[in-house]
Amino acid sequence: MSHGEPTMTRFKDFATNRPLLFALFTILSWFVVGALFTGLVSVFLHSSFLDYGPQVIGTLAATIYVLFIAWRFGWLRAGGITSLGSWQTWVVALLALIYVILAYSFAFFGDFSLDTVLFSSAEARSIFGRQVVVGLVEEILFRGLILYAFVRVWGETSRGLLASIFLSAFLFEIIHLLQALAGRSFEMALVASLEAFISGVWWAAIVVLWTTVWPAVLLHTASNAAVLIKALSYPGIVLTASDYTLVILFQLPLVFIGLWWVYKKGPRSIVPDVPWAPLTIFTREWHAIVSRGSALNLGSL
């Protein structure tokens, strides 16, 4: 056994016994790794920390870190990262994608048209490239590693399975809320993050149903890119909270269908020695935090 093996074993045990704390730690360390590599690249290239190149390299480095964890845990296939799914999965994803793009187009711009000429412009290609990175990175983190960390522990009951979906979407929402607060009013940031939560729920349902993150990557990338590229035809457009609310309403049928389908398919037992109980998700994590804080006199919190 290698020197690093006991450490990874303990880390995996931590993910099993404290999945919520594991998710929070993973998100935080993902940010730290990304920021560290972004800073190093910006210094090496003598560019701004916010420039496209350093940001992409830093984000991809953070994603490699997440993939490394999934690989060492043996979760790459079980978490849907190396599984492509069936053709039925992709048919459902493509139909959902068409619906969502039309819904976004109507909610944000008031029409269903798509100017294909825009998609051949250099700016459109740049937008698409950025969204490929965003979709890939966020789906591998939230619907790959984190969602599976929840499902493998709590997925033995329907309640636990649905809670895993909602909790992963909630963490996804919090990240988007923090990002949105940087340049928007609180109202706009809140409704935009709520839209991210709604999207996160039915994307997670697809991943749980077919054990592959790649349809979610497609949905995330293509829907974002289509909206941003179409916005090139509307210079100066200002989106409102009502626009995002309409998008949320359009997505609710997908949420209900996805959750109903997950519930109908039923739970799966992955780690049977960690039983579900009401409020287990929160009480076990809270007790762990409190007991650890008491032992260390809150020095590490």
C-alpha atoms as a PDB file:
ATOM      1  CA  MET A   1       0.000   0.000   0.000  1.00  0.00           C
ATOM      2  CA  SER A   2       1.402   3.388  -0.981  1.00  0.00           C
ATOM      3  CA  HIS A   3       2.041   6.137   1.540  1.00  0.00           C
ATOM      4  CA  GLY A   4      -0.862   8.202   0.170  1.00  0.00           C
ATOM      5  CA  GLU A   5      -3.339   5.328   0.274  1.00  0.00           C
ATOM      6  CA  PRO A   6      -4.286   5.624   3.981  1.00  0.00           C
ATOM      7  CA  THR A   7      -4.846   9.351   3.517  1.00  0.00           C
ATOM      8  CA  MET A   8      -7.213   8.805   0.576  1.00  0.00           C
ATOM      9  CA  THR A   9      -8.974   6.045   2.492  1.00  0.00           C
ATOM     10  CA  ARG A  10      -9.596   8.387   5.410  1.00  0.00           C
ATOM     11  CA  PHE A  11     -10.714  11.098   3.002  1.00  0.00           C
ATOM     12  CA  LYS A  12     -13.181   8.705   1.373  1.00  0.00           C
ATOM     13  CA  ASP A  13     -14.428   7.667   4.816  1.00  0.00           C
ATOM     14  CA  PHE A  14     -14.941  11.362   5.556  1.00  0.00           C
ATOM     15  CA  ALA A  15     -17.007  11.646   2.344  1.00  0.00           C
ATOM     16  CA  THR A  16     -19.090   8.662   3.464  1.00  0.00           C
ATOM     17  CA  ASN A  17     -19.654   9.727   7.065  1.00  0.00           C
ATOM     18  CA  ARG A  18     -19.896  13.501   6.527  1.00  0.00           C
ATOM     19  CA  PRO A  19     -21.048  14.001   2.911  1.00  0.00           C
ATOM     20  CA  LEU A  20     -22.236  17.573   3.424  1.00  0.00           C
ATOM     21  CA  LEU A  21     -18.985  18.670   5.048  1.00  0.00           C
ATOM     22  CA  PHE A  22     -17.120  16.832   2.297  1.00  0.00           C
ATOM     23  CA  ALA A  23     -19.086  18.791  -0.320  1.00  0.00           C
ATOM     24  CA  LEU A  24     -18.370  22.126   1.375  1.00  0.00           C
ATOM     25  CA  PHE A  25     -14.686  21.287   1.719  1.00  0.00           C
ATOM     26  CA  THR A  26     -14.496  20.230  -1.924  1.00  0.00           C
ATOM     27  CA  ILE A  27     -16.117  23.446  -3.150  1.00  0.00           C
ATOM     28  CA  LEU A  28     -13.832  25.594  -0.996  1.00  0.00           C
ATOM     29  CA  SER A  29     -10.678  23.739  -2.023  1.00  0.00           C
ATOM     30  CA  TRP A  30     -11.821  23.864  -5.664  1.00  0.00           C
ATOM     31  CA  PHE A  31     -11.961  27.643  -5.387  1.00  0.00           C
ATOM     32  CA  VAL A  32      -8.556  27.807  -3.710  1.00  0.00           C
ATOM     33  CA  VAL A  33      -6.881  25.602  -6.323  1.00  0.00           C
ATOM     34  CA  GLY A  34      -8.484  27.588  -9.135  1.00  0.00           C
ATOM     35  CA  ALA A  35      -7.463  30.939  -7.645  1.00  0.00           C
ATOM     36  CA  LEU A  36      -3.917  29.717  -6.991  1.00  0.00           C
ATOM     37  CA  PHE A  37      -3.368  28.525 -10.556  1.00  0.00           C
ATOM     38  CA  THR A  38      -5.077  31.603 -12.005  1.00  0.00           C
ATOM     39  CA  GLY A  39      -2.720  33.811 -10.006  1.00  0.00           C
ATOM     40  CA  LEU A  40       0.358  31.836 -11.015  1.00  0.00           C
ATOM     41  CA  VAL A  41      -0.566  31.948 -14.706  1.00  0.00           C
ATOM     42  CA  SER A  42      -1.370  35.662 -14.599  1.00  0.00           C
ATOM     43  CA  VAL A  43       2.037  36.352 -13.047  1.00  0.00           C
ATOM     44  CA  PHE A  44       3.785  34.147 -15.609  1.00  0.00           C
ATOM     45  CA  LEU A  45       1.966  35.806 -18.527  1.00  0.00           C
ATOM     46  CA  HIS A  46       2.191  39.317 -17.020  1.00  0.00           C
ATOM     47  CA  SER A  47      -1.558  39.681 -17.415  1.00  0.00           C
ATOM     48  CA  SER A  48      -4.520  40.527 -15.224  1.00  0.00           C
ATOM     49  CA  PHE A  49      -5.940  37.955 -12.825  1.00  0.00           C
ATOM     50  CA  LEU A  50      -9.314  38.468 -14.558  1.00  0.00           C
ATOM     51  CA  ASP A  51      -8.039  37.890 -18.105  1.00  0.00           C
ATOM     52  CA  TYR A  52      -9.565  35.027 -20.065  1.00  0.00           C
ATOM     53  CA  GLY A  53      -6.413  32.905 -20.327  1.00  0.00           C
ATOM     54  CA  PRO A  54      -5.496  32.734 -16.622  1.00  0.00           C
ATOM     55  CA  GLN A  55      -9.137  32.234 -15.661  1.00  0.00           C
ATOM     56  CA  VAL A  56      -9.593  29.281 -18.010  1.00  0.00           C
ATOM     57  CA  ILE A  57      -6.327  27.623 -17.004  1.00  0.00           C
ATOM     58  CA  GLY A  58      -7.060  28.103 -13.308  1.00  0.00           C
ATOM     59  CA  THR A  59     -10.575  26.723 -13.682  1.00  0.00           C
ATOM     60  CA  LEU A  60      -9.394  23.700 -15.637  1.00  0.00           C
ATOM     61  CA  ALA A  61      -6.680  23.051 -13.036  1.00  0.00           C
ATOM     62  CA  ALA A  62      -9.331  23.080 -10.313  1.00  0.00           C
ATOM     63  CA  THR A  63     -11.410  20.642 -12.347  1.00  0.00           C
ATOM     64  CA  ILE A  64      -8.449  18.287 -12.726  1.00  0.00           C
ATOM     65  CA  TYR A  65      -8.223  18.391  -8.934  1.00  0.00           C
ATOM     66  CA  VAL A  66     -11.877  17.306  -8.702  1.00  0.00           C
ATOM     67  CA  LEU A  67     -11.329  14.560 -11.274  1.00  0.00           C
ATOM     68  CA  PHE A  68      -8.322  13.363  -9.287  1.00  0.00           C
ATOM     69  CA  ILE A  69     -10.499  12.957  -6.193  1.00  0.00           C
ATOM     70  CA  ALA A  70     -13.161  11.080  -8.156  1.00  0.00           C
ATOM     71  CA  TRP A  71     -10.486   8.847  -9.710  1.00  0.00           C
ATOM     72  CA  ARG A  72      -8.825   7.992  -6.381  1.00  0.00           C
ATOM     73  CA  PHE A  73     -12.232   7.283  -4.843  1.00  0.00           C
ATOM     74  CA  GLY A  74     -13.189   5.036  -7.769  1.00  0.00           C
ATOM     75  CA  TRP A  75     -16.171   7.261  -8.559  1.00  0.00           C
ATOM     76  CA  LEU A  76     -15.487   8.231 -12.166  1.00  0.00           C
ATOM     77  CA  ARG A  77     -18.003   5.821 -13.676  1.00  0.00           C
ATOM     78  CA  ALA A  78     -20.422   5.636 -10.749  1.00  0.00           C
ATOM     79  CA  GLY A  79     -20.536   9.447 -10.666  1.00  0.00           C
ATOM     80  CA  GLY A  80     -21.392   9.573 -14.358  1.00  0.00           C
ATOM     81  CA  ILE A  81     -18.128  11.195 -15.450  1.00  0.00           C
ATOM     82  CA  THR A  82     -16.896   8.380 -17.703  1.00  0.00           C
ATOM     83  CA  SER A  83     -20.362   7.119 -18.655  1.00  0.00           C
ATOM     84  CA  LEU A  84     -22.110   8.529 -21.752  1.00  0.00           C
ATOM     85  CA  GLY A  85     -25.551   7.065 -21.130  1.00  0.00           C
ATOM     86  CA  SER A  86     -27.976   5.487 -23.589  1.00  0.00           C
ATOM     87  CA  TRP A  87     -29.362   7.002 -26.777  1.00  0.00           C
ATOM     88  CA  GLN A  88     -32.685   7.485 -24.952  1.00  0.00           C
ATOM     89  CA  THR A  89     -30.882   9.727 -22.490  1.00  0.00           C
ATOM     90  CA  TRP A  90     -29.645  11.960 -25.290  1.00  0.00           C
ATOM     91  CA  VAL A  91     -33.045  12.121 -26.988  1.00  0.00           C
ATOM     92  CA  VAL A  92     -34.587  13.379 -23.740  1.00  0.00           C
ATOM     93  CA  ALA A  93     -31.721  15.837 -23.238  1.00  0.00           C
ATOM     94  CA  LEU A  94     -32.001  17.231 -26.772  1.00  0.00           C
ATOM     95  CA  LEU A  95     -35.774  17.687 -26.489  1.00  0.00           C
ATOM     96  CA  ALA A  96     -35.289  19.438 -23.146  1.00  0.00           C
ATOM     97  CA  LEU A  97     -32.552  21.613 -24.675  1.00  0.00           C
ATOM     98  CA  ILE A  98     -34.797  22.773 -27.534  1.00  0.00           C
ATOM     99  CA  TYR A  99     -37.548  23.602 -25.062  1.00  0.00           C
ATOM    100  CA  VAL A 100     -35.211  25.508 -22.741  1.00  0.00           C
ATOM    101  CA  ILE A 101     -33.565  27.545 -25.500  1.00  0.00           C
ATOM    102  CA  LEU A 102     -36.979  28.586 -26.805  1.00  0.00           C
ATOM    103  CA  ALA A 103     -38.117  29.401 -23.256  1.00  0.00           C
ATOM    104  CA  TYR A 104     -35.017  31.514 -22.575  1.00  0.00           C
ATOM    105  CA  SER A 105     -35.387  33.255 -25.921  1.00  0.00           C
ATOM    106  CA  PHE A 106     -38.983  34.235 -25.249  1.00  0.00           C
ATOM    107  CA  ALA A 107     -38.448  35.181 -21.593  1.00  0.00           C
ATOM    108  CA  PHE A 108     -35.372  37.341 -22.193  1.00  0.00           C
ATOM    109  CA  PHE A 109     -35.972  38.697 -25.706  1.00  0.00           C
ATOM    110  CA  GLY A 110     -39.675  38.297 -26.404  1.00  0.00           C
ATOM    111  CA  ASP A 111     -39.321  36.088 -29.493  1.00  0.00           C
ATOM    112  CA  PHE A 112     -38.266  32.601 -30.556  1.00  0.00           C
ATOM    113  CA  SER A 113     -35.932  33.532 -33.398  1.00  0.00           C
ATOM    114  CA  LEU A 114     -32.287  32.468 -33.633  1.00  0.00           C
ATOM    115  CA  ASP A 115     -29.999  34.403 -35.975  1.00  0.00           C
ATOM    116  CA  THR A 116     -27.624  31.713 -37.215  1.00  0.00           C
ATOM    117  CA  VAL A 117     -25.316  34.366 -38.735  1.00  0.00           C
ATOM    118  CA  LEU A 118     -24.358  35.448 -35.207  1.00  0.00           C
ATOM    119  CA  PHE A 119     -23.020  31.990 -34.418  1.00  0.00           C
ATOM    120  CA  SER A 120     -20.280  32.341 -37.030  1.00  0.00           C
ATOM    121  CA  SER A 121     -18.815  35.522 -35.540  1.00  0.00           C
ATOM    122  CA  ALA A 122     -15.562  35.571 -33.583  1.00  0.00           C
ATOM    123  CA  GLU A 123     -17.354  36.954 -30.521  1.00  0.00           C
ATOM    124  CA  ALA A 124     -19.898  34.122 -30.648  1.00  0.00           C
ATOM    125  CA  ARG A 125     -17.118  31.535 -30.851  1.00  0.00           C
ATOM    126  CA  SER A 126     -15.450  33.134 -27.847  1.00  0.00           C
ATOM    127  CA  ILE A 127     -18.705  33.028 -25.877  1.00  0.00           C
ATOM    128  CA  PHE A 128     -19.268  29.402 -26.816  1.00  0.00           C
ATOM    129  CA  GLY A 129     -15.727  28.460 -25.775  1.00  0.00           C
ATOM    130  CA  ARG A 130     -16.188  30.096 -22.376  1.00  0.00           C
ATOM    131  CA  GLN A 131     -19.507  28.347 -21.827  1.00  0.00           C
ATOM    132  CA  VAL A 132     -18.020  24.961 -22.727  1.00  0.00           C
ATOM    133  CA  VAL A 133     -15.518  25.476 -19.914  1.00  0.00           C
ATOM    134  CA  VAL A 134     -18.202  26.686 -17.493  1.00  0.00           C
ATOM    135  CA  GLY A 135     -20.575  23.823 -18.291  1.00  0.00           C
ATOM    136  CA  LEU A 136     -17.845  21.199 -18.092  1.00  0.00           C
ATOM    137  CA  VAL A 137     -16.358  22.475 -14.851  1.00  0.00           C
ATOM    138  CA  GLU A 138     -19.571  23.104 -12.912  1.00  0.00           C
ATOM    139  CA  GLU A 139     -21.284  19.884 -13.966  1.00  0.00           C
ATOM    140  CA  ILE A 140     -18.318  17.693 -13.067  1.00  0.00           C
ATOM    141  CA  LEU A 141     -18.136  19.368  -9.655  1.00  0.00           C
ATOM    142  CA  PHE A 142     -21.812  19.693  -8.700  1.00  0.00           C
ATOM    143  CA  ARG A 143     -23.583  16.967 -10.696  1.00  0.00           C
ATOM    144  CA  GLY A 144     -20.597  14.636 -10.809  1.00  0.00           C
ATOM    145  CA  LEU A 145     -18.589  14.463  -7.599  1.00  0.00           C
ATOM    146  CA  ILE A 146     -20.867  16.243  -5.118  1.00  0.00           C
ATOM    147  CA  LEU A 147     -24.188  14.781  -6.240  1.00  0.00           C
ATOM    148  CA  TYR A 148     -22.751  11.268  -6.211  1.00  0.00           C
ATOM    149  CA  ALA A 149     -21.259  11.848  -2.751  1.00  0.00           C
ATOM    150  CA  PHE A 150     -24.807  12.507  -1.531  1.00  0.00           C
ATOM    151  CA  VAL A 151     -26.561   9.788  -3.536  1.00  0.00           C
ATOM    152  CA  ARG A 152     -24.176   6.990  -2.533  1.00  0.00           C
ATOM    153  CA  VAL A 153     -24.943   7.668   1.143  1.00  0.00           C
ATOM    154  CA  TRP A 154     -28.558   8.870   1.151  1.00  0.00           C
ATOM    155  CA  GLY A 155     -29.867   7.274  -2.040  1.00  0.00           C
ATOM    156  CA  GLU A 156     -31.239   4.153  -0.382  1.00  0.00           C
ATOM    157  CA  THR A 157     -34.602   5.866   0.173  1.00  0.00           C
ATOM    158  CA  SER A 158     -36.685   8.046  -2.110  1.00  0.00           C
ATOM    159  CA  ARG A 159     -36.524  10.884   0.413  1.00  0.00           C
ATOM    160  CA  GLY A 160     -32.754  10.651   0.583  1.00  0.00           C
ATOM    161  CA  LEU A 161     -32.471  10.556  -3.194  1.00  0.00           C
ATOM    162  CA  LEU A 162     -34.614  13.665  -3.619  1.00  0.00           C
ATOM    163  CA  ALA A 163     -32.762  15.387  -0.777  1.00  0.00           C
ATOM    164  CA  SER A 164     -29.476  14.682  -2.574  1.00  0.00           C
ATOM    165  CA  ILE A 165     -30.816  16.394  -5.688  1.00  0.00           C
ATOM    166  CA  PHE A 166     -32.116  19.424  -3.803  1.00  0.00           C
ATOM    167  CA  LEU A 167     -28.992  19.810  -1.686  1.00  0.00           C
ATOM    168  CA  SER A 168     -26.626  19.668  -4.658  1.00  0.00           C
ATOM    169  CA  ALA A 169     -28.808  22.251  -6.431  1.00  0.00           C
ATOM    170  CA  PHE A 170     -28.824  24.440  -3.329  1.00  0.00           C
ATOM    171  CA  LEU A 171     -25.014  24.466  -3.173  1.00  0.00           C
ATOM    172  CA  PHE A 172     -25.003  25.294  -6.894  1.00  0.00           C
ATOM    173  CA  GLU A 173     -27.386  28.182  -6.163  1.00  0.00           C
ATOM    174  CA  ILE A 174     -25.240  29.564  -3.341  1.00  0.00           C
ATOM    175  CA  ILE A 175     -22.183  29.745  -5.600  1.00  0.00           C
ATOM    176  CA  HIS A 176     -24.180  31.616  -8.231  1.00  0.00           C
ATOM    177  CA  LEU A 177     -25.642  33.934  -5.606  1.00  0.00           C
ATOM    178  CA  LEU A 178     -22.157  34.921  -4.445  1.00  0.00           C
ATOM    179  CA  GLN A 179     -21.072  35.479  -8.048  1.00  0.00           C
ATOM    180  CA  ALA A 180     -24.192  37.491  -8.893  1.00  0.00           C
ATOM    181  CA  LEU A 181     -23.835  39.744  -5.837  1.00  0.00           C
ATOM    182  CA  ALA A 182     -20.550  41.013  -7.267  1.00  0.00           C
ATOM    183  CA  GLY A 183     -22.255  43.082  -9.952  1.00  0.00           C
ATOM    184  CA  ARG A 184     -26.014  43.104  -9.395  1.00  0.00           C
ATOM    185  CA  SER A 185     -28.604  44.316  -6.946  1.00  0.00           C
ATOM    186  CA  PHE A 186     -29.601  41.867  -4.224  1.00  0.00           C
ATOM    187  CA  GLU A 187     -33.010  41.311  -5.833  1.00  0.00           C
ATOM    188  CA  MET A 188     -31.495  40.464  -9.206  1.00  0.00           C
ATOM    189  CA  ALA A 189     -28.809  38.294  -7.643  1.00  0.00           C
ATOM    190  CA  LEU A 190     -31.427  36.402  -5.640  1.00  0.00           C
ATOM    191  CA  VAL A 191     -33.748  35.680  -8.560  1.00  0.00           C
ATOM    192  CA  ALA A 192     -30.824  34.776 -10.859  1.00  0.00           C
ATOM    193  CA  SER A 193     -29.493  32.341  -8.260  1.00  0.00           C
ATOM    194  CA  LEU A 194     -32.989  30.886  -7.814  1.00  0.00           C
ATOM    195  CA  GLU A 195     -33.036  30.214 -11.553  1.00  0.00           C
ATOM    196  CA  ALA A 196     -29.700  28.409 -11.128  1.00  0.00           C
ATOM    197  CA  PHE A 197     -31.276  26.295  -8.353  1.00  0.00           C
ATOM    198  CA  ILE A 198     -34.237  25.341 -10.546  1.00  0.00           C
ATOM    199  CA  SER A 199     -31.931  24.380 -13.410  1.00  0.00           C
ATOM    200  CA  GLY A 200     -29.714  22.466 -10.981  1.00  0.00           C
ATOM    201  CA  VAL A 201     -32.651  20.368  -9.781  1.00  0.00           C
ATOM    202  CA  TRP A 202     -33.729  18.961 -13.134  1.00  0.00           C
ATOM    203  CA  TRP A 203     -30.148  18.640 -14.404  1.00  0.00           C
ATOM    204  CA  ALA A 204     -29.394  16.590 -11.286  1.00  0.00           C
ATOM    205  CA  ALA A 205     -32.515  14.495 -11.908  1.00  0.00           C
ATOM    206  CA  ILE A 206     -31.186  13.616 -15.377  1.00  0.00           C
ATOM    207  CA  VAL A 207     -27.828  12.606 -13.896  1.00  0.00           C
ATOM    208  CA  VAL A 208     -29.470  10.456 -11.214  1.00  0.00           C
ATOM    209  CA  LEU A 209     -31.793   8.796 -13.725  1.00  0.00           C
ATOM    210  CA  TRP A 210     -29.143   7.845 -16.277  1.00  0.00           C
ATOM    211  CA  THR A 211     -25.845   8.009 -14.335  1.00  0.00           C
ATOM    212  CA  THR A 212     -24.063  10.352 -16.718  1.00  0.00           C
ATOM    213  CA  VAL A 213     -23.172  14.032 -16.367  1.00  0.00           C
ATOM    214  CA  TRP A 214     -22.698  14.655 -20.082  1.00  0.00           C
ATOM    215  CA  PRO A 215     -26.306  15.501 -21.005  1.00  0.00           C
ATOM    216  CA  ALA A 216     -26.205  18.029 -18.151  1.00  0.00           C
ATOM    217  CA  VAL A 217     -22.956  19.438 -19.577  1.00  0.00           C
ATOM    218  CA  LEU A 218     -24.685  19.826 -22.949  1.00  0.00           C
ATOM    219  CA  LEU A 219     -27.765  21.467 -21.434  1.00  0.00           C
ATOM    220  CA  HIS A 220     -25.709  23.829 -19.296  1.00  0.00           C
ATOM    221  CA  THR A 221     -23.321  24.812 -22.083  1.00  0.00           C
ATOM    222  CA  ALA A 222     -25.743  25.119 -24.982  1.00  0.00           C
ATOM    223  CA  SER A 223     -28.534  26.964 -23.137  1.00  0.00           C
ATOM    224  CA  ASN A 224     -26.135  29.539 -21.666  1.00  0.00           C
ATOM    225  CA  ALA A 225     -24.308  29.994 -24.963  1.00  0.00           C
ATOM    226  CA  ALA A 226     -27.518  30.380 -26.984  1.00  0.00           C
ATOM    227  CA  VAL A 227     -28.781  33.162 -24.701  1.00  0.00           C
ATOM    228  CA  LEU A 228     -25.473  35.036 -24.585  1.00  0.00           C
ATOM    229  CA  ILE A 229     -24.931  34.783 -28.339  1.00  0.00           C
ATOM    230  CA  LYS A 230     -28.468  35.945 -29.086  1.00  0.00           C
ATOM    231  CA  ALA A 231     -27.879  38.886 -26.733  1.00  0.00           C
ATOM    232  CA  LEU A 232     -25.309  40.160 -29.252  1.00  0.00           C
ATOM    233  CA  SER A 233     -28.286  41.256 -31.364  1.00  0.00           C
ATOM    234  CA  TYR A 234     -29.660  43.253 -28.431  1.00  0.00           C
ATOM    235  CA  PRO A 235     -26.886  45.645 -27.375  1.00  0.00           C
ATOM    236  CA  GLY A 236     -27.662  47.436 -24.156  1.00  0.00           C
ATOM    237  CA  ILE A 237     -30.412  45.036 -23.117  1.00  0.00           C
ATOM    238  CA  VAL A 238     -31.073  45.026 -19.371  1.00  0.00           C
ATOM    239  CA  LEU A 239     -32.619  41.886 -17.914  1.00  0.00           C
ATOM    240  CA  THR A 240     -35.078  42.255 -15.056  1.00  0.00           C
ATOM    241  CA  ALA A 241     -36.217  40.083 -12.179  1.00  0.00           C
ATOM    242  CA  SER A 242     -39.437  39.454 -14.116  1.00  0.00           C
ATOM    243  CA  ASP A 243     -37.435  37.981 -16.997  1.00  0.00           C
ATOM    244  CA  TYR A 244     -35.739  35.482 -14.694  1.00  0.00           C
ATOM    245  CA  THR A 245     -39.044  34.712 -12.990  1.00  0.00           C
ATOM    246  CA  LEU A 246     -40.548  33.810 -16.353  1.00  0.00           C
ATOM    247  CA  VAL A 247     -37.599  31.516 -17.074  1.00  0.00           C
ATOM    248  CA  ILE A 248     -38.165  29.824 -13.714  1.00  0.00           C
ATOM    249  CA  LEU A 249     -41.836  29.267 -14.523  1.00  0.00           C
ATOM    250  CA  PHE A 250     -40.952  27.777 -17.889  1.00  0.00           C
ATOM    251  CA  GLN A 251     -38.554  25.324 -16.206  1.00  0.00           C
ATOM    252  CA  LEU A 252     -40.948  24.150 -13.494  1.00  0.00           C
ATOM    253  CA  PRO A 253     -42.530  21.456 -15.725  1.00  0.00           C
ATOM    254  CA  LEU A 254     -39.053  19.994 -16.287  1.00  0.00           C
ATOM    255  CA  VAL A 255     -38.443  20.028 -12.528  1.00  0.00           C
ATOM    256  CA  PHE A 256     -41.713  18.221 -11.765  1.00  0.00           C
ATOM    257  CA  ILE A 257     -41.212  15.656 -14.531  1.00  0.00           C
ATOM    258  CA  GLY A 258     -37.627  14.999 -13.453  1.00  0.00           C
ATOM    259  CA  LEU A 259     -38.457  14.593  -9.763  1.00  0.00           C
ATOM    260  CA  TRP A 260     -41.488  12.425 -10.510  1.00  0.00           C
ATOM    261  CA  TRP A 261     -39.363  10.213 -12.742  1.00  0.00           C
ATOM    262  CA  VAL A 262     -36.666   9.878 -10.078  1.00  0.00           C
ATOM    263  CA  TYR A 263     -39.254   9.066  -7.431  1.00  0.00           C
ATOM    264  CA  LYS A 264     -40.954   6.501  -9.683  1.00  0.00           C
ATOM    265  CA  LYS A 265     -37.664   4.818 -10.551  1.00  0.00           C
ATOM    266  CA  GLY A 266     -37.051   4.353  -6.838  1.00  0.00           C
ATOM    267  CA  PRO A 267     -34.035   4.480  -4.522  1.00  0.00           C
ATOM    268  CA  ARG A 268     -30.805   2.576  -4.812  1.00  0.00           C
ATOM    269  CA  SER A 269     -28.591   1.215  -2.028  1.00  0.00           C
ATOM    270  CA  ILE A 270     -24.953   2.151  -2.587  1.00  0.00           C
ATOM    271  CA  VAL A 271     -23.564   2.412   0.937  1.00  0.00           C
ATOM    272  CA  PRO A 272     -26.068   0.359   2.953  1.00  0.00           C
ATOM    273  CA  ASP A 273     -24.341   0.851   6.318  1.00  0.00           C
ATOM    274  CA  VAL A 274     -25.274   4.564   6.442  1.00  0.00           C
ATOM    275  CA  PRO A 275     -29.053   4.574   6.996  1.00  0.00           C
ATOM    276  CA  TRP A 276     -31.361   7.479   6.227  1.00  0.00           C
ATOM    277  CA  ALA A 277     -33.336   9.039   9.055  1.00  0.00           C
ATOM    278  CA  PRO A 278     -35.421  12.233   9.138  1.00  0.00           C
ATOM    279  CA  LEU A 279     -33.137  15.274   9.234  1.00  0.00           C
ATOM    280  CA  THR A 280     -30.048  13.021   9.131  1.00  0.00           C
ATOM    281  CA  ILE A 281     -28.493  15.200   6.443  1.00  0.00           C
ATOM    282  CA  PHE A 282     -28.395  18.229   8.691  1.00  0.00           C
ATOM    283  CA  THR A 283     -28.285  16.883  12.236  1.00  0.00           C
ATOM    284  CA  ARG A 284     -25.274  14.615  11.714  1.00  0.00           C
ATOM    285  CA  GLU A 285     -23.297  17.370  10.026  1.00  0.00           C
ATOM    286  CA  TRP A 286     -24.302  19.923  12.660  1.00  0.00           C
ATOM    287  CA  HIS A 287     -23.368  17.594  15.522  1.00  0.00           C
ATOM    288  CA  ALA A 288     -20.014  16.959  13.851  1.00  0.00           C
ATOM    289  CA  ILE A 289     -19.332  20.693  13.603  1.00  0.00           C
ATOM    290  CA  VAL A 290     -20.427  21.395  17.186  1.00  0.00           C
ATOM    291  CA  SER A 291     -18.467  18.519  18.712  1.00  0.00           C
ATOM    292  CA  ARG A 292     -15.358  19.404  16.755  1.00  0.00           C
ATOM    293  CA  GLY A 293     -15.706  23.050  17.691  1.00  0.00           C
ATOM    294  CA  SER A 294     -16.120  22.157  21.349  1.00  0.00           C
ATOM    295  CA  ALA A 295     -13.034  19.953  21.277  1.00  0.00           C
ATOM    296  CA  LEU A 296     -10.951  22.664  19.707  1.00  0.00           C
ATOM    297  CA  ASN A 297     -12.620  25.549  21.525  1.00  0.00           C
ATOM    298  CA  LEU A 298     -13.809  26.721  18.131  1.00  0.00           C
ATOM    299  CA  GLY A 299     -10.224  27.413  17.190  1.00  0.00           C
ATOM    300  CA  SER A 300     -10.481  25.747  13.800  1.00  0.00           C
ATOM    301  CA  LEU A 301     -13.860  27.217  12.773  1.00  0.00           C
END
